Amino acid sequence: MTYFDFNSASEQTSYDLIPKGTLVRVRMTIRPGGFDDASQGWTGGYATRNDNTGSVYLNCEFVVMEGEFARRKMWSLIGLYSAKGPEWANMGRTFIKAILNSARGVHPGDNSPAAQNARRIGGFADLDGIEFMGKVDWEKDQNGQDKSVIKAAITPDHKEYAALMGGARQPAPAAQTPSAPNAYAQATGRAPNPGRPSWAQ
C-alpha cells in the first residue's frame, strides 16, 4: 500500500451541530489569556482582555465526556467585566455558581454551611478541568453560522441530573469542608452517613 492509495483511509466524521437542549457531561478547561487584575483576585493569567472593548472574560473549552457526542468540543466565554455595565459580569457569576452546584452536587436551594462552602473557590485554577452537566445551546459565530455552546449548567434539582451525572460529582476540597453537621442532621437528629460527602448528609 502506498500513501497515495486512499481506499483504506477512514471515512469522515460527521460534525453536525449537537442538538439544542441536549444534556451532556462536560469537562471545562480555560484557555489562559494572560490578563491579571490582583484587585479582583484575577491571577494566574487565566482571564483574557479584549483590547478593543476592554471586556474581560474566561475563554472556555467544553469537552463532552461520554455518550453519543463524546469528545466533541464547544467553546464559550464567561464574562468577568464589561465597560457597558455589570450585566455581563453578573451573568458570568450566575453561570459559575451553577457550574459549582452541578459539579459538586449541591441543590440550588441549599444554603447550609457546607453548600455555601461548595460555592467558593480559591481562584480560577479551581475551575480549570471541572466536570459538570451542561445544556447545549446554539449561537452565531463570527461568520454568522450556528455553533453549539454551553451557557447553562444542570443542577441537582433537574429530574435527569442524578441519572446523567452518576458518580461524577466533585465535592468541595476536604480542607474547606466544614466538619460540623449540617442543618438537616441537626433538625432530624440523624447521624451523618460517613459514606457520603458532607454536602449530601
C-alpha atoms as a PDB file:
ATOM      1  CA  MET A   1       0.000   0.000   0.000  1.00  0.00           C
ATOM      2  CA  THR A   2       1.308   3.452  -0.874  1.00  0.00           C
ATOM      3  CA  TYR A   3       0.345   6.728   0.764  1.00  0.00           C
ATOM      4  CA  PHE A   4      -1.431   7.796  -2.416  1.00  0.00           C
ATOM      5  CA  ASP A   5      -3.957   4.924  -2.302  1.00  0.00           C
ATOM      6  CA  PHE A   6      -6.763   6.377  -0.164  1.00  0.00           C
ATOM      7  CA  ASN A   7      -9.192   3.458  -0.370  1.00  0.00           C
ATOM      8  CA  SER A   8      -8.190   2.292   3.118  1.00  0.00           C
ATOM      9  CA  ALA A   9      -8.500   5.727   4.747  1.00  0.00           C
ATOM     10  CA  SER A  10     -11.218   6.189   7.363  1.00  0.00           C
ATOM     11  CA  GLU A  11     -14.494   7.866   6.471  1.00  0.00           C
ATOM     12  CA  GLN A  12     -15.088  11.442   7.516  1.00  0.00           C
ATOM     13  CA  THR A  13     -16.668  12.028  10.891  1.00  0.00           C
ATOM     14  CA  SER A  14     -19.927  13.963  10.840  1.00  0.00           C
ATOM     15  CA  TYR A  15     -19.732  17.283  12.627  1.00  0.00           C
ATOM     16  CA  ASP A  16     -23.388  18.205  12.629  1.00  0.00           C
ATOM     17  CA  LEU A  17     -24.332  20.502  15.475  1.00  0.00           C
ATOM     18  CA  ILE A  18     -25.196  18.838  18.764  1.00  0.00           C
ATOM     19  CA  PRO A  19     -28.976  19.312  19.030  1.00  0.00           C
ATOM     20  CA  LYS A  20     -30.086  22.313  21.033  1.00  0.00           C
ATOM     21  CA  GLY A  21     -31.222  21.338  24.526  1.00  0.00           C
ATOM     22  CA  THR A  22     -29.074  18.184  24.720  1.00  0.00           C
ATOM     23  CA  LEU A  23     -27.747  17.485  28.234  1.00  0.00           C
ATOM     24  CA  VAL A  24     -24.101  16.410  28.298  1.00  0.00           C
ATOM     25  CA  ARG A  25     -21.450  15.882  30.961  1.00  0.00           C
ATOM     26  CA  VAL A  26     -18.530  18.124  30.048  1.00  0.00           C
ATOM     27  CA  ARG A  27     -15.056  18.960  31.278  1.00  0.00           C
ATOM     28  CA  MET A  28     -14.311  22.668  31.184  1.00  0.00           C
ATOM     29  CA  THR A  29     -10.802  23.968  30.615  1.00  0.00           C
ATOM     30  CA  ILE A  30      -9.754  27.598  30.498  1.00  0.00           C
ATOM     31  CA  ARG A  31      -7.562  28.905  27.707  1.00  0.00           C
ATOM     32  CA  PRO A  32      -5.225  31.336  29.507  1.00  0.00           C
ATOM     33  CA  GLY A  33      -5.347  34.873  28.168  1.00  0.00           C
ATOM     34  CA  GLY A  34      -2.546  36.258  30.333  1.00  0.00           C
ATOM     35  CA  PHE A  35      -4.599  39.052  31.911  1.00  0.00           C
ATOM     36  CA  ASP A  36      -4.412  39.577  35.681  1.00  0.00           C
ATOM     37  CA  ASP A  37      -6.099  42.078  37.985  1.00  0.00           C
ATOM     38  CA  ALA A  38      -4.946  41.484  41.544  1.00  0.00           C
ATOM     39  CA  SER A  39      -7.556  43.912  42.901  1.00  0.00           C
ATOM     40  CA  GLN A  40     -10.253  41.495  41.680  1.00  0.00           C
ATOM     41  CA  GLY A  41      -8.332  38.374  42.646  1.00  0.00           C
ATOM     42  CA  TRP A  42      -7.858  37.526  38.973  1.00  0.00           C
ATOM     43  CA  THR A  43      -4.397  35.980  38.983  1.00  0.00           C
ATOM     44  CA  GLY A  44      -2.614  33.123  37.274  1.00  0.00           C
ATOM     45  CA  GLY A  45      -3.124  34.520  33.785  1.00  0.00           C
ATOM     46  CA  TYR A  46      -6.458  32.745  33.265  1.00  0.00           C
ATOM     47  CA  ALA A  47      -8.501  35.793  32.244  1.00  0.00           C
ATOM     48  CA  THR A  48      -8.487  37.312  28.757  1.00  0.00           C
ATOM     49  CA  ARG A  49      -8.920  41.023  27.990  1.00  0.00           C
ATOM     50  CA  ASN A  50     -10.289  42.279  24.672  1.00  0.00           C
ATOM     51  CA  ASP A  51      -8.030  45.154  23.657  1.00  0.00           C
ATOM     52  CA  ASN A  52     -10.770  46.784  21.566  1.00  0.00           C
ATOM     53  CA  THR A  53     -13.645  46.770  24.061  1.00  0.00           C
ATOM     54  CA  GLY A  54     -11.808  46.388  27.369  1.00  0.00           C
ATOM     55  CA  SER A  55     -14.070  43.465  28.311  1.00  0.00           C
ATOM     56  CA  VAL A  56     -12.568  40.687  30.416  1.00  0.00           C
ATOM     57  CA  TYR A  57     -13.654  37.054  30.276  1.00  0.00           C
ATOM     58  CA  LEU A  58     -12.679  33.408  30.659  1.00  0.00           C
ATOM     59  CA  ASN A  59     -12.168  31.725  27.291  1.00  0.00           C
ATOM     60  CA  CYS A  60     -13.512  28.228  27.959  1.00  0.00           C
ATOM     61  CA  GLU A  61     -13.455  24.927  26.110  1.00  0.00           C
ATOM     62  CA  PHE A  62     -16.015  22.240  26.938  1.00  0.00           C
ATOM     63  CA  VAL A  63     -15.306  18.607  26.010  1.00  0.00           C
ATOM     64  CA  VAL A  64     -18.179  16.102  26.109  1.00  0.00           C
ATOM     65  CA  MET A  65     -17.087  13.240  28.360  1.00  0.00           C
ATOM     66  CA  GLU A  66     -19.360  10.391  27.280  1.00  0.00           C
ATOM     67  CA  GLY A  67     -22.329   9.287  25.213  1.00  0.00           C
ATOM     68  CA  GLU A  68     -23.231   9.893  21.586  1.00  0.00           C
ATOM     69  CA  PHE A  69     -21.244  13.136  21.379  1.00  0.00           C
ATOM     70  CA  ALA A  70     -18.180  12.027  23.382  1.00  0.00           C
ATOM     71  CA  ARG A  71     -15.009  14.027  22.647  1.00  0.00           C
ATOM     72  CA  ARG A  72     -16.912  16.767  20.814  1.00  0.00           C
ATOM     73  CA  LYS A  73     -15.746  20.248  21.774  1.00  0.00           C
ATOM     74  CA  MET A  74     -17.579  23.525  22.258  1.00  0.00           C
ATOM     75  CA  TRP A  75     -16.330  26.972  23.183  1.00  0.00           C
ATOM     76  CA  SER A  76     -17.964  29.748  25.209  1.00  0.00           C
ATOM     77  CA  LEU A  77     -16.929  32.875  27.084  1.00  0.00           C
ATOM     78  CA  ILE A  78     -17.687  33.522  30.750  1.00  0.00           C
ATOM     79  CA  GLY A  79     -17.917  37.251  31.321  1.00  0.00           C
ATOM     80  CA  LEU A  80     -15.937  38.888  34.117  1.00  0.00           C
ATOM     81  CA  TYR A  81     -16.127  42.588  33.223  1.00  0.00           C
ATOM     82  CA  SER A  82     -17.712  44.842  30.609  1.00  0.00           C
ATOM     83  CA  ALA A  83     -17.447  48.600  30.284  1.00  0.00           C
ATOM     84  CA  LYS A  84     -21.126  48.614  29.269  1.00  0.00           C
ATOM     85  CA  GLY A  85     -22.250  47.707  32.785  1.00  0.00           C
ATOM     86  CA  PRO A  86     -22.469  44.881  35.308  1.00  0.00           C
ATOM     87  CA  GLU A  87     -24.902  42.611  33.425  1.00  0.00           C
ATOM     88  CA  TRP A  88     -22.271  40.515  31.611  1.00  0.00           C
ATOM     89  CA  ALA A  89     -20.227  40.005  34.777  1.00  0.00           C
ATOM     90  CA  ASN A  90     -23.373  39.089  36.728  1.00  0.00           C
ATOM     91  CA  MET A  91     -24.295  36.526  34.066  1.00  0.00           C
ATOM     92  CA  GLY A  92     -20.805  35.081  34.385  1.00  0.00           C
ATOM     93  CA  ARG A  93     -21.096  34.791  38.176  1.00  0.00           C
ATOM     94  CA  THR A  94     -24.501  33.112  37.802  1.00  0.00           C
ATOM     95  CA  PHE A  95     -23.053  30.567  35.366  1.00  0.00           C
ATOM     96  CA  ILE A  96     -20.063  29.793  37.597  1.00  0.00           C
ATOM     97  CA  LYS A  97     -22.363  29.318  40.604  1.00  0.00           C
ATOM     98  CA  ALA A  98     -24.459  26.841  38.601  1.00  0.00           C
ATOM     99  CA  ILE A  99     -21.305  25.039  37.440  1.00  0.00           C
ATOM    100  CA  LEU A 100     -20.203  24.600  41.068  1.00  0.00           C
ATOM    101  CA  ASN A 101     -23.674  23.393  42.098  1.00  0.00           C
ATOM    102  CA  SER A 102     -23.635  20.893  39.232  1.00  0.00           C
ATOM    103  CA  ALA A 103     -20.054  19.683  39.714  1.00  0.00           C
ATOM    104  CA  ARG A 104     -20.330  19.356  43.478  1.00  0.00           C
ATOM    105  CA  GLY A 105     -23.887  18.033  43.628  1.00  0.00           C
ATOM    106  CA  VAL A 106     -25.323  20.966  45.578  1.00  0.00           C
ATOM    107  CA  HIS A 107     -29.029  21.803  45.306  1.00  0.00           C
ATOM    108  CA  PRO A 108     -29.550  25.484  44.365  1.00  0.00           C
ATOM    109  CA  GLY A 109     -31.868  25.946  47.365  1.00  0.00           C
ATOM    110  CA  ASP A 110     -29.369  24.512  49.867  1.00  0.00           C
ATOM    111  CA  ASN A 111     -27.897  27.317  51.958  1.00  0.00           C
ATOM    112  CA  SER A 112     -26.279  25.135  54.622  1.00  0.00           C
ATOM    113  CA  PRO A 113     -22.686  25.980  55.598  1.00  0.00           C
ATOM    114  CA  ALA A 114     -21.407  23.009  53.585  1.00  0.00           C
ATOM    115  CA  ALA A 115     -23.349  24.119  50.483  1.00  0.00           C
ATOM    116  CA  GLN A 116     -22.111  27.687  50.810  1.00  0.00           C
ATOM    117  CA  ASN A 117     -18.567  26.375  51.142  1.00  0.00           C
ATOM    118  CA  ALA A 118     -19.008  24.304  47.967  1.00  0.00           C
ATOM    119  CA  ARG A 119     -19.828  27.504  46.059  1.00  0.00           C
ATOM    120  CA  ARG A 120     -16.482  29.084  46.975  1.00  0.00           C
ATOM    121  CA  ILE A 121     -13.264  28.688  45.012  1.00  0.00           C
ATOM    122  CA  GLY A 122      -9.723  29.779  45.701  1.00  0.00           C
ATOM    123  CA  GLY A 123      -9.226  31.109  42.187  1.00  0.00           C
ATOM    124  CA  PHE A 124      -9.860  30.382  38.526  1.00  0.00           C
ATOM    125  CA  ALA A 125      -7.493  27.390  38.743  1.00  0.00           C
ATOM    126  CA  ASP A 126     -10.279  25.583  40.645  1.00  0.00           C
ATOM    127  CA  LEU A 127     -12.486  25.832  37.550  1.00  0.00           C
ATOM    128  CA  ASP A 128      -9.853  24.583  35.119  1.00  0.00           C
ATOM    129  CA  GLY A 129     -10.745  20.926  34.486  1.00  0.00           C
ATOM    130  CA  ILE A 130     -14.027  20.931  36.432  1.00  0.00           C
ATOM    131  CA  GLU A 131     -16.689  18.464  35.239  1.00  0.00           C
ATOM    132  CA  PHE A 132     -20.402  19.254  35.285  1.00  0.00           C
ATOM    133  CA  MET A 133     -23.661  18.662  33.452  1.00  0.00           C
ATOM    134  CA  GLY A 134     -24.266  21.257  30.760  1.00  0.00           C
ATOM    135  CA  LYS A 135     -27.107  22.137  28.417  1.00  0.00           C
ATOM    136  CA  VAL A 136     -26.275  22.658  24.752  1.00  0.00           C
ATOM    137  CA  ASP A 137     -27.460  25.852  23.092  1.00  0.00           C
ATOM    138  CA  TRP A 138     -26.726  27.458  19.731  1.00  0.00           C
ATOM    139  CA  GLU A 139     -25.423  30.885  18.847  1.00  0.00           C
ATOM    140  CA  LYS A 140     -23.953  32.556  15.768  1.00  0.00           C
ATOM    141  CA  ASP A 141     -20.211  32.554  15.176  1.00  0.00           C
ATOM    142  CA  GLN A 142     -18.284  35.452  13.652  1.00  0.00           C
ATOM    143  CA  ASN A 143     -19.309  34.279  10.180  1.00  0.00           C
ATOM    144  CA  GLY A 144     -22.997  34.098  11.027  1.00  0.00           C
ATOM    145  CA  GLN A 145     -23.028  30.293  11.153  1.00  0.00           C
ATOM    146  CA  ASP A 146     -24.676  28.360  14.002  1.00  0.00           C
ATOM    147  CA  LYS A 147     -22.362  26.782  16.558  1.00  0.00           C
ATOM    148  CA  SER A 148     -23.003  24.684  19.664  1.00  0.00           C
ATOM    149  CA  VAL A 149     -22.177  26.308  23.004  1.00  0.00           C
ATOM    150  CA  ILE A 150     -22.544  25.648  26.719  1.00  0.00           C
ATOM    151  CA  LYS A 151     -24.071  28.567  28.606  1.00  0.00           C
ATOM    152  CA  ALA A 152     -26.088  26.803  31.305  1.00  0.00           C
ATOM    153  CA  ALA A 153     -25.289  24.129  33.890  1.00  0.00           C
ATOM    154  CA  ILE A 154     -27.782  21.475  35.014  1.00  0.00           C
ATOM    155  CA  THR A 155     -28.049  21.290  38.809  1.00  0.00           C
ATOM    156  CA  PRO A 156     -29.345  18.544  41.169  1.00  0.00           C
ATOM    157  CA  ASP A 157     -32.900  19.923  41.135  1.00  0.00           C
ATOM    158  CA  HIS A 158     -33.221  18.769  37.496  1.00  0.00           C
ATOM    159  CA  LYS A 159     -35.040  15.441  37.111  1.00  0.00           C
ATOM    160  CA  GLU A 160     -32.315  13.969  34.871  1.00  0.00           C
ATOM    161  CA  TYR A 161     -29.327  15.163  36.899  1.00  0.00           C
ATOM    162  CA  ALA A 162     -28.795  12.046  39.043  1.00  0.00           C
ATOM    163  CA  ALA A 163     -29.020   9.632  36.126  1.00  0.00           C
ATOM    164  CA  LEU A 164     -26.709  11.636  33.891  1.00  0.00           C
ATOM    165  CA  MET A 165     -24.071  12.652  36.428  1.00  0.00           C
ATOM    166  CA  GLY A 166     -23.908   9.341  38.262  1.00  0.00           C
ATOM    167  CA  GLY A 167     -20.824   9.207  40.471  1.00  0.00           C
ATOM    168  CA  ALA A 168     -19.026  12.014  38.691  1.00  0.00           C
ATOM    169  CA  ARG A 169     -19.713  14.714  41.265  1.00  0.00           C
ATOM    170  CA  GLN A 170     -16.723  16.598  42.624  1.00  0.00           C
ATOM    171  CA  PRO A 171     -17.174  17.570  46.288  1.00  0.00           C
ATOM    172  CA  ALA A 172     -15.563  20.691  47.649  1.00  0.00           C
ATOM    173  CA  PRO A 173     -11.908  20.275  48.709  1.00  0.00           C
ATOM    174  CA  ALA A 174     -11.683  18.466  52.033  1.00  0.00           C
ATOM    175  CA  ALA A 175      -9.656  21.235  53.636  1.00  0.00           C
ATOM    176  CA  GLN A 176     -12.524  23.670  53.140  1.00  0.00           C
ATOM    177  CA  THR A 177     -15.364  21.327  54.089  1.00  0.00           C
ATOM    178  CA  PRO A 178     -16.938  22.164  57.471  1.00  0.00           C
ATOM    179  CA  SER A 179     -16.837  19.299  59.958  1.00  0.00           C
ATOM    180  CA  ALA A 180     -19.965  20.381  61.851  1.00  0.00           C
ATOM    181  CA  PRO A 181     -23.201  18.536  60.974  1.00  0.00           C
ATOM    182  CA  ASN A 182     -25.458  20.419  58.599  1.00  0.00           C
ATOM    183  CA  ALA A 183     -28.919  21.790  59.300  1.00  0.00           C
ATOM    184  CA  TYR A 184     -30.612  18.594  58.125  1.00  0.00           C
ATOM    185  CA  ALA A 185     -28.683  16.463  60.596  1.00  0.00           C
ATOM    186  CA  GLN A 186     -29.335  18.944  63.395  1.00  0.00           C
ATOM    187  CA  ALA A 187     -33.052  19.044  62.636  1.00  0.00           C
ATOM    188  CA  THR A 188     -33.550  15.298  62.276  1.00  0.00           C
ATOM    189  CA  GLY A 189     -31.084  14.096  64.888  1.00  0.00           C
ATOM    190  CA  ARG A 190     -29.784  11.532  62.394  1.00  0.00           C
ATOM    191  CA  ALA A 191     -26.109  10.754  62.398  1.00  0.00           C
ATOM    192  CA  PRO A 192     -24.260  11.734  59.231  1.00  0.00           C
ATOM    193  CA  ASN A 193     -23.555   8.935  56.788  1.00  0.00           C
ATOM    194  CA  PRO A 194     -19.755   8.624  56.562  1.00  0.00           C
ATOM    195  CA  GLY A 195     -20.045   7.209  53.044  1.00  0.00           C
ATOM    196  CA  ARG A 196     -21.442  10.440  51.631  1.00  0.00           C
ATOM    197  CA  PRO A 197     -19.829  13.856  51.117  1.00  0.00           C
ATOM    198  CA  SER A 198     -20.597  16.497  53.726  1.00  0.00           C
ATOM    199  CA  TRP A 199     -22.940  18.411  51.421  1.00  0.00           C
ATOM    200  CA  ALA A 200     -25.034  15.256  50.909  1.00  0.00           C
ATOM    201  CA  GLN A 201     -25.555  14.347  54.581  1.00  0.00           C
END
